[in-house]
Amino acid sequence: MTSTNPVLRQQVKRVYKELLYMGREYPQGYDFFKTRLHKAFISQQHLSDEEEIKKRLQRADFVRKEIEALYYLKKYRSMRHRYDAF
């Protein structure tokens, strides 16, 4: 994302790194997640309108929350499976 605003650029980098970090526990594997994330960010590299970049950052925040929910659900299911066995 080429933007003249350095603040937006830092936000995009922060979101990318955050999502990359979260991808370590992804059910289909880190490599799968990493390549998909990279493709998603590279495909939006051409954006220069600040409003459009902000919309995409909001979308990335939504995706981050969805991944967190997926992890919490996975944790809940594994704990429930352990305790239901007794």
PDB file of N, CA and C in Angstrom:
ATOM      1  N   MET A   1       0.840  -1.165   0.000  1.00  0.00           N
ATOM      2  CA  MET A   1       0.000   0.000   0.000  1.00  0.00           C
ATOM      3  C   MET A   1       0.892   1.238   0.000  1.00  0.00           C
ATOM      4  N   THR A   2       0.949   1.879  -1.076  1.00  0.00           N
ATOM      5  CA  THR A   2       1.769   3.070  -1.168  1.00  0.00           C
ATOM      6  C   THR A   2       0.932   4.270  -0.779  1.00  0.00           C
ATOM      7  N   SER A   3       1.288   4.851   0.325  1.00  0.00           N
ATOM      8  CA  SER A   3       0.549   5.998   0.823  1.00  0.00           C
ATOM      9  C   SER A   3       1.548   7.075   1.211  1.00  0.00           C
ATOM     10  N   THR A   4       1.129   8.309   1.057  1.00  0.00           N
ATOM     11  CA  THR A   4       2.001   9.395   1.468  1.00  0.00           C
ATOM     12  C   THR A   4       1.924   9.610   2.972  1.00  0.00           C
ATOM     13  N   ASN A   5       0.953   9.002   3.615  1.00  0.00           N
ATOM     14  CA  ASN A   5       0.779   9.145   5.047  1.00  0.00           C
ATOM     15  C   ASN A   5       1.571   8.054   5.780  1.00  0.00           C
ATOM     16  N   PRO A   6       2.640   8.439   6.484  1.00  0.00           N
ATOM     17  CA  PRO A   6       3.457   7.420   7.165  1.00  0.00           C
ATOM     18  C   PRO A   6       2.726   6.741   8.329  1.00  0.00           C
ATOM     19  N   VAL A   7       1.744   7.410   8.907  1.00  0.00           N
ATOM     20  CA  VAL A   7       0.983   6.812  10.007  1.00  0.00           C
ATOM     21  C   VAL A   7       0.180   5.614   9.504  1.00  0.00           C
ATOM     22  N   LEU A   8      -0.454   5.773   8.354  1.00  0.00           N
ATOM     23  CA  LEU A   8      -1.206   4.650   7.778  1.00  0.00           C
ATOM     24  C   LEU A   8      -0.281   3.499   7.412  1.00  0.00           C
ATOM     25  N   ARG A   9       0.866   3.830   6.902  1.00  0.00           N
ATOM     26  CA  ARG A   9       1.838   2.797   6.533  1.00  0.00           C
ATOM     27  C   ARG A   9       2.249   1.982   7.758  1.00  0.00           C
ATOM     28  N   GLN A  10       2.474   2.665   8.881  1.00  0.00           N
ATOM     29  CA  GLN A  10       2.837   1.970  10.109  1.00  0.00           C
ATOM     30  C   GLN A  10       1.683   1.108  10.606  1.00  0.00           C
ATOM     31  N   GLN A  11       0.463   1.607  10.460  1.00  0.00           N
ATOM     32  CA  GLN A  11      -0.705   0.829  10.881  1.00  0.00           C
ATOM     33  C   GLN A  11      -0.838  -0.447  10.053  1.00  0.00           C
ATOM     34  N   VAL A  12      -0.597  -0.314   8.760  1.00  0.00           N
ATOM     35  CA  VAL A  12      -0.686  -1.492   7.882  1.00  0.00           C
ATOM     36  C   VAL A  12       0.375  -2.511   8.270  1.00  0.00           C
ATOM     37  N   LYS A  13       1.581  -2.050   8.531  1.00  0.00           N
ATOM     38  CA  LYS A  13       2.653  -2.964   8.951  1.00  0.00           C
ATOM     39  C   LYS A  13       2.313  -3.639  10.271  1.00  0.00           C
ATOM     40  N   ARG A  14       1.765  -2.867  11.214  1.00  0.00           N
ATOM     41  CA  ARG A  14       1.419  -3.414  12.526  1.00  0.00           C
ATOM     42  C   ARG A  14       0.349  -4.496  12.388  1.00  0.00           C
ATOM     43  N   VAL A  15      -0.666  -4.223  11.571  1.00  0.00           N
ATOM     44  CA  VAL A  15      -1.745  -5.196  11.376  1.00  0.00           C
ATOM     45  C   VAL A  15      -1.203  -6.453  10.701  1.00  0.00           C
ATOM     46  N   TYR A  16      -0.338  -6.277   9.729  1.00  0.00           N
ATOM     47  CA  TYR A  16       0.248  -7.429   9.034  1.00  0.00           C
ATOM     48  C   TYR A  16       1.038  -8.296  10.010  1.00  0.00           C
ATOM     49  N   LYS A  17       1.863  -7.672  10.818  1.00  0.00           N
ATOM     50  CA  LYS A  17       2.672  -8.422  11.782  1.00  0.00           C
ATOM     51  C   LYS A  17       1.797  -9.100  12.831  1.00  0.00           C
ATOM     52  N   GLU A  18       0.752  -8.413  13.253  1.00  0.00           N
ATOM     53  CA  GLU A  18      -0.166  -8.971  14.238  1.00  0.00           C
ATOM     54  C   GLU A  18      -0.857 -10.213  13.686  1.00  0.00           C
ATOM     55  N   LEU A  19      -1.351 -10.102  12.468  1.00  0.00           N
ATOM     56  CA  LEU A  19      -2.020 -11.247  11.846  1.00  0.00           C
ATOM     57  C   LEU A  19      -1.041 -12.389  11.599  1.00  0.00           C
ATOM     58  N   LEU A  20       0.162 -12.058  11.202  1.00  0.00           N
ATOM     59  CA  LEU A  20       1.181 -13.071  10.969  1.00  0.00           C
ATOM     60  C   LEU A  20       1.491 -13.819  12.263  1.00  0.00           C
ATOM     61  N   TYR A  21       1.559 -13.081  13.356  1.00  0.00           N
ATOM     62  CA  TYR A  21       1.813 -13.699  14.662  1.00  0.00           C
ATOM     63  C   TYR A  21       0.655 -14.620  15.061  1.00  0.00           C
ATOM     64  N   MET A  22      -0.555 -14.158  14.804  1.00  0.00           N
ATOM     65  CA  MET A  22      -1.722 -14.968  15.150  1.00  0.00           C
ATOM     66  C   MET A  22      -1.813 -16.237  14.300  1.00  0.00           C
ATOM     67  N   GLY A  23      -1.235 -16.212  13.128  1.00  0.00           N
ATOM     68  CA  GLY A  23      -1.309 -17.343  12.219  1.00  0.00           C
ATOM     69  C   GLY A  23      -0.508 -18.553  12.653  1.00  0.00           C
ATOM     70  N   ARG A  24       0.293 -18.411  13.683  1.00  0.00           N
ATOM     71  CA  ARG A  24       1.104 -19.547  14.146  1.00  0.00           C
ATOM     72  C   ARG A  24       0.242 -20.723  14.581  1.00  0.00           C
ATOM     73  N   GLU A  25      -0.932 -20.452  15.112  1.00  0.00           N
ATOM     74  CA  GLU A  25      -1.810 -21.501  15.627  1.00  0.00           C
ATOM     75  C   GLU A  25      -2.937 -21.851  14.655  1.00  0.00           C
ATOM     76  N   TYR A  26      -2.854 -21.386  13.429  1.00  0.00           N
ATOM     77  CA  TYR A  26      -3.941 -21.597  12.475  1.00  0.00           C
ATOM     78  C   TYR A  26      -4.118 -23.091  12.210  1.00  0.00           C
ATOM     79  N   PRO A  27      -5.361 -23.576  12.192  1.00  0.00           N
ATOM     80  CA  PRO A  27      -5.607 -25.019  12.040  1.00  0.00           C
ATOM     81  C   PRO A  27      -5.020 -25.641  10.774  1.00  0.00           C
ATOM     82  N   GLN A  28      -4.975 -24.902   9.676  1.00  0.00           N
ATOM     83  CA  GLN A  28      -4.451 -25.476   8.436  1.00  0.00           C
ATOM     84  C   GLN A  28      -2.948 -25.283   8.289  1.00  0.00           C
ATOM     85  N   GLY A  29      -2.307 -24.750   9.289  1.00  0.00           N
ATOM     86  CA  GLY A  29      -0.858 -24.619   9.284  1.00  0.00           C
ATOM     87  C   GLY A  29      -0.395 -23.189   9.024  1.00  0.00           C
ATOM     88  N   TYR A  30       0.771 -22.896   9.551  1.00  0.00           N
ATOM     89  CA  TYR A  30       1.335 -21.552   9.448  1.00  0.00           C
ATOM     90  C   TYR A  30       1.679 -21.184   8.011  1.00  0.00           C
ATOM     91  N   ASP A  31       2.244 -22.128   7.267  1.00  0.00           N
ATOM     92  CA  ASP A  31       2.623 -21.834   5.877  1.00  0.00           C
ATOM     93  C   ASP A  31       1.404 -21.476   5.027  1.00  0.00           C
ATOM     94  N   PHE A  32       0.319 -22.198   5.207  1.00  0.00           N
ATOM     95  CA  PHE A  32      -0.920 -21.897   4.491  1.00  0.00           C
ATOM     96  C   PHE A  32      -1.397 -20.489   4.827  1.00  0.00           C
ATOM     97  N   PHE A  33      -1.411 -20.172   6.112  1.00  0.00           N
ATOM     98  CA  PHE A  33      -1.877 -18.861   6.560  1.00  0.00           C
ATOM     99  C   PHE A  33      -0.966 -17.748   6.051  1.00  0.00           C
ATOM    100  N   LYS A  34       0.322 -17.968   6.136  1.00  0.00           N
ATOM    101  CA  LYS A  34       1.295 -16.947   5.737  1.00  0.00           C
ATOM    102  C   LYS A  34       1.166 -16.602   4.252  1.00  0.00           C
ATOM    103  N   THR A  35       1.032 -17.612   3.402  1.00  0.00           N
ATOM    104  CA  THR A  35       0.923 -17.338   1.963  1.00  0.00           C
ATOM    105  C   THR A  35      -0.388 -16.626   1.635  1.00  0.00           C
ATOM    106  N   ARG A  36      -1.479 -17.031   2.283  1.00  0.00           N
ATOM    107  CA  ARG A  36      -2.768 -16.373   2.042  1.00  0.00           C
ATOM    108  C   ARG A  36      -2.756 -14.925   2.520  1.00  0.00           C
ATOM    109  N   LEU A  37      -2.146 -14.691   3.674  1.00  0.00           N
ATOM    110  CA  LEU A  37      -2.061 -13.335   4.211  1.00  0.00           C
ATOM    111  C   LEU A  37      -1.210 -12.449   3.302  1.00  0.00           C
ATOM    112  N   HIS A  38      -0.099 -12.983   2.851  1.00  0.00           N
ATOM    113  CA  HIS A  38       0.787 -12.229   1.965  1.00  0.00           C
ATOM    114  C   HIS A  38       0.070 -11.858   0.665  1.00  0.00           C
ATOM    115  N   LYS A  39      -0.631 -12.818   0.083  1.00  0.00           N
ATOM    116  CA  LYS A  39      -1.372 -12.548  -1.151  1.00  0.00           C
ATOM    117  C   LYS A  39      -2.439 -11.481  -0.937  1.00  0.00           C
ATOM    118  N   ALA A  40      -3.112 -11.548   0.207  1.00  0.00           N
ATOM    119  CA  ALA A  40      -4.172 -10.578   0.503  1.00  0.00           C
ATOM    120  C   ALA A  40      -3.603  -9.160   0.613  1.00  0.00           C
ATOM    121  N   PHE A  41      -2.465  -9.019   1.250  1.00  0.00           N
ATOM    122  CA  PHE A  41      -1.877  -7.688   1.407  1.00  0.00           C
ATOM    123  C   PHE A  41      -1.250  -7.189   0.108  1.00  0.00           C
ATOM    124  N   ILE A  42      -0.603  -8.067  -0.623  1.00  0.00           N
ATOM    125  CA  ILE A  42       0.022  -7.672  -1.894  1.00  0.00           C
ATOM    126  C   ILE A  42      -1.040  -7.263  -2.909  1.00  0.00           C
ATOM    127  N   SER A  43      -2.191  -7.917  -2.889  1.00  0.00           N
ATOM    128  CA  SER A  43      -3.237  -7.579  -3.853  1.00  0.00           C
ATOM    129  C   SER A  43      -3.799  -6.183  -3.615  1.00  0.00           C
ATOM    130  N   GLN A  44      -3.603  -5.630  -2.427  1.00  0.00           N
ATOM    131  CA  GLN A  44      -4.095  -4.288  -2.112  1.00  0.00           C
ATOM    132  C   GLN A  44      -2.974  -3.245  -2.111  1.00  0.00           C
ATOM    133  N   GLN A  45      -1.836  -3.615  -2.599  1.00  0.00           N
ATOM    134  CA  GLN A  45      -0.659  -2.760  -2.594  1.00  0.00           C
ATOM    135  C   GLN A  45      -0.852  -1.481  -3.409  1.00  0.00           C
ATOM    136  N   HIS A  46      -1.679  -1.528  -4.404  1.00  0.00           N
ATOM    137  CA  HIS A  46      -1.867  -0.393  -5.313  1.00  0.00           C
ATOM    138  C   HIS A  46      -2.676   0.748  -4.701  1.00  0.00           C
ATOM    139  N   LEU A  47      -3.326   0.526  -3.577  1.00  0.00           N
ATOM    140  CA  LEU A  47      -4.201   1.542  -2.982  1.00  0.00           C
ATOM    141  C   LEU A  47      -3.410   2.772  -2.542  1.00  0.00           C
ATOM    142  N   SER A  48      -3.953   3.935  -2.831  1.00  0.00           N
ATOM    143  CA  SER A  48      -3.305   5.170  -2.389  1.00  0.00           C
ATOM    144  C   SER A  48      -4.287   6.116  -1.709  1.00  0.00           C
ATOM    145  N   ASP A  49      -5.587   5.852  -1.861  1.00  0.00           N
ATOM    146  CA  ASP A  49      -6.599   6.676  -1.221  1.00  0.00           C
ATOM    147  C   ASP A  49      -6.649   6.342   0.279  1.00  0.00           C
ATOM    148  N   GLU A  50      -6.504   7.355   1.117  1.00  0.00           N
ATOM    149  CA  GLU A  50      -6.433   7.127   2.553  1.00  0.00           C
ATOM    150  C   GLU A  50      -7.728   6.536   3.111  1.00  0.00           C
ATOM    151  N   GLU A  51      -8.856   6.972   2.607  1.00  0.00           N
ATOM    152  CA  GLU A  51     -10.129   6.439   3.079  1.00  0.00           C
ATOM    153  C   GLU A  51     -10.266   4.952   2.743  1.00  0.00           C
ATOM    154  N   GLU A  52      -9.841   4.587   1.567  1.00  0.00           N
ATOM    155  CA  GLU A  52      -9.902   3.181   1.163  1.00  0.00           C
ATOM    156  C   GLU A  52      -8.960   2.332   2.026  1.00  0.00           C
ATOM    157  N   ILE A  53      -7.802   2.854   2.331  1.00  0.00           N
ATOM    158  CA  ILE A  53      -6.852   2.132   3.184  1.00  0.00           C
ATOM    159  C   ILE A  53      -7.446   1.956   4.581  1.00  0.00           C
ATOM    160  N   LYS A  54      -8.102   2.982   5.092  1.00  0.00           N
ATOM    161  CA  LYS A  54      -8.728   2.885   6.414  1.00  0.00           C
ATOM    162  C   LYS A  54      -9.833   1.830   6.418  1.00  0.00           C
ATOM    163  N   LYS A  55     -10.585   1.736   5.331  1.00  0.00           N
ATOM    164  CA  LYS A  55     -11.619   0.704   5.222  1.00  0.00           C
ATOM    165  C   LYS A  55     -10.989  -0.681   5.261  1.00  0.00           C
ATOM    166  N   ARG A  56      -9.885  -0.827   4.566  1.00  0.00           N
ATOM    167  CA  ARG A  56      -9.195  -2.127   4.539  1.00  0.00           C
ATOM    168  C   ARG A  56      -8.603  -2.461   5.906  1.00  0.00           C
ATOM    169  N   LEU A  57      -8.148  -1.455   6.633  1.00  0.00           N
ATOM    170  CA  LEU A  57      -7.643  -1.690   7.987  1.00  0.00           C
ATOM    171  C   LEU A  57      -8.773  -2.149   8.913  1.00  0.00           C
ATOM    172  N   GLN A  58      -9.958  -1.591   8.726  1.00  0.00           N
ATOM    173  CA  GLN A  58     -11.110  -2.039   9.506  1.00  0.00           C
ATOM    174  C   GLN A  58     -11.455  -3.484   9.176  1.00  0.00           C
ATOM    175  N   ARG A  59     -11.363  -3.819   7.909  1.00  0.00           N
ATOM    176  CA  ARG A  59     -11.612  -5.202   7.477  1.00  0.00           C
ATOM    177  C   ARG A  59     -10.587  -6.147   8.103  1.00  0.00           C
ATOM    178  N   ALA A  60      -9.328  -5.726   8.145  1.00  0.00           N
ATOM    179  CA  ALA A  60      -8.278  -6.541   8.751  1.00  0.00           C
ATOM    180  C   ALA A  60      -8.538  -6.722  10.244  1.00  0.00           C
ATOM    181  N   ASP A  61      -9.067  -5.691  10.902  1.00  0.00           N
ATOM    182  CA  ASP A  61      -9.399  -5.806  12.324  1.00  0.00           C
ATOM    183  C   ASP A  61     -10.528  -6.814  12.517  1.00  0.00           C
ATOM    184  N   PHE A  62     -11.495  -6.805  11.609  1.00  0.00           N
ATOM    185  CA  PHE A  62     -12.580  -7.787  11.658  1.00  0.00           C
ATOM    186  C   PHE A  62     -12.031  -9.205  11.503  1.00  0.00           C
ATOM    187  N   VAL A  63     -11.112  -9.387  10.573  1.00  0.00           N
ATOM    188  CA  VAL A  63     -10.505 -10.702  10.345  1.00  0.00           C
ATOM    189  C   VAL A  63      -9.742 -11.148  11.589  1.00  0.00           C
ATOM    190  N   ARG A  64      -9.046 -10.209  12.226  1.00  0.00           N
ATOM    191  CA  ARG A  64      -8.299 -10.524  13.445  1.00  0.00           C
ATOM    192  C   ARG A  64      -9.252 -11.017  14.531  1.00  0.00           C
ATOM    193  N   LYS A  65     -10.377 -10.363  14.679  1.00  0.00           N
ATOM    194  CA  LYS A  65     -11.357 -10.773  15.690  1.00  0.00           C
ATOM    195  C   LYS A  65     -11.943 -12.142  15.361  1.00  0.00           C
ATOM    196  N   GLU A  66     -12.154 -12.411  14.090  1.00  0.00           N
ATOM    197  CA  GLU A  66     -12.671 -13.718  13.684  1.00  0.00           C
ATOM    198  C   GLU A  66     -11.665 -14.827  13.984  1.00  0.00           C
ATOM    199  N   ILE A  67     -10.398 -14.555  13.763  1.00  0.00           N
ATOM    200  CA  ILE A  67      -9.363 -15.548  14.062  1.00  0.00           C
ATOM    201  C   ILE A  67      -9.295 -15.791  15.564  1.00  0.00           C
ATOM    202  N   GLU A  68      -9.396 -14.730  16.358  1.00  0.00           N
ATOM    203  CA  GLU A  68      -9.418 -14.887  17.809  1.00  0.00           C
ATOM    204  C   GLU A  68     -10.603 -15.748  18.234  1.00  0.00           C
ATOM    205  N   ALA A  69     -11.761 -15.505  17.649  1.00  0.00           N
ATOM    206  CA  ALA A  69     -12.939 -16.297  17.981  1.00  0.00           C
ATOM    207  C   ALA A  69     -12.732 -17.763  17.616  1.00  0.00           C
ATOM    208  N   LEU A  70     -12.091 -18.010  16.493  1.00  0.00           N
ATOM    209  CA  LEU A  70     -11.787 -19.375  16.080  1.00  0.00           C
ATOM    210  C   LEU A  70     -10.896 -20.064  17.102  1.00  0.00           C
ATOM    211  N   TYR A  71      -9.894 -19.359  17.591  1.00  0.00           N
ATOM    212  CA  TYR A  71      -8.976 -19.932  18.581  1.00  0.00           C
ATOM    213  C   TYR A  71      -9.682 -20.199  19.907  1.00  0.00           C
ATOM    214  N   TYR A  72     -10.543 -19.257  20.333  1.00  0.00           N
ATOM    215  CA  TYR A  72     -11.279 -19.460  21.577  1.00  0.00           C
ATOM    216  C   TYR A  72     -12.222 -20.653  21.467  1.00  0.00           C
ATOM    217  N   LEU A  73     -12.858 -20.795  20.318  1.00  0.00           N
ATOM    218  CA  LEU A  73     -13.742 -21.932  20.100  1.00  0.00           C
ATOM    219  C   LEU A  73     -12.961 -23.242  20.133  1.00  0.00           C
ATOM    220  N   LYS A  74     -11.811 -23.249  19.520  1.00  0.00           N
ATOM    221  CA  LYS A  74     -10.965 -24.445  19.519  1.00  0.00           C
ATOM    222  C   LYS A  74     -10.557 -24.807  20.944  1.00  0.00           C
ATOM    223  N   LYS A  75     -10.183 -23.808  21.715  1.00  0.00           N
ATOM    224  CA  LYS A  75      -9.789 -24.035  23.105  1.00  0.00           C
ATOM    225  C   LYS A  75     -10.971 -24.553  23.917  1.00  0.00           C
ATOM    226  N   TYR A  76     -12.134 -23.939  23.738  1.00  0.00           N
ATOM    227  CA  TYR A  76     -13.335 -24.358  24.453  1.00  0.00           C
ATOM    228  C   TYR A  76     -13.685 -25.809  24.132  1.00  0.00           C
ATOM    229  N   ARG A  77     -13.636 -26.151  22.863  1.00  0.00           N
ATOM    230  CA  ARG A  77     -13.990 -27.518  22.455  1.00  0.00           C
ATOM    231  C   ARG A  77     -13.024 -28.542  23.032  1.00  0.00           C
ATOM    232  N   SER A  78     -11.746 -28.213  23.029  1.00  0.00           N
ATOM    233  CA  SER A  78     -10.775 -29.171  23.565  1.00  0.00           C
ATOM    234  C   SER A  78     -10.946 -29.328  25.073  1.00  0.00           C
ATOM    235  N   MET A  79     -11.226 -28.238  25.785  1.00  0.00           N
ATOM    236  CA  MET A  79     -11.445 -28.333  27.232  1.00  0.00           C
ATOM    237  C   MET A  79     -12.728 -29.108  27.534  1.00  0.00           C
ATOM    238  N   ARG A  80     -13.758 -28.854  26.764  1.00  0.00           N
ATOM    239  CA  ARG A  80     -15.024 -29.556  26.970  1.00  0.00           C
ATOM    240  C   ARG A  80     -14.854 -31.046  26.701  1.00  0.00           C
ATOM    241  N   HIS A  81     -14.092 -31.365  25.672  1.00  0.00           N
ATOM    242  CA  HIS A  81     -13.838 -32.775  25.347  1.00  0.00           C
ATOM    243  C   HIS A  81     -13.095 -33.462  26.493  1.00  0.00           C
ATOM    244  N   ARG A  82     -12.148 -32.771  27.098  1.00  0.00           N
ATOM    245  CA  ARG A  82     -11.396 -33.351  28.214  1.00  0.00           C
ATOM    246  C   ARG A  82     -12.277 -33.614  29.420  1.00  0.00           C
ATOM    247  N   TYR A  83     -13.120 -32.640  29.765  1.00  0.00           N
ATOM    248  CA  TYR A  83     -13.919 -32.752  30.980  1.00  0.00           C
ATOM    249  C   TYR A  83     -15.178 -33.576  30.791  1.00  0.00           C
ATOM    250  N   ASP A  84     -15.664 -33.704  29.576  1.00  0.00           N
ATOM    251  CA  ASP A  84     -16.841 -34.559  29.352  1.00  0.00           C
ATOM    252  C   ASP A  84     -16.485 -36.035  29.412  1.00  0.00           C
ATOM    253  N   ALA A  85     -15.224 -36.358  29.299  1.00  0.00           N
ATOM    254  CA  ALA A  85     -14.795 -37.749  29.330  1.00  0.00           C
ATOM    255  C   ALA A  85     -14.965 -38.347  30.716  1.00  0.00           C
ATOM    256  N   PHE A  86     -15.058 -37.519  31.747  1.00  0.00           N
ATOM    257  CA  PHE A  86     -15.170 -38.040  33.130  1.00  0.00           C
ATOM    258  C   PHE A  86     -16.557 -38.259  33.508  1.00  0.00           C
TER     259      PHE A  86
END
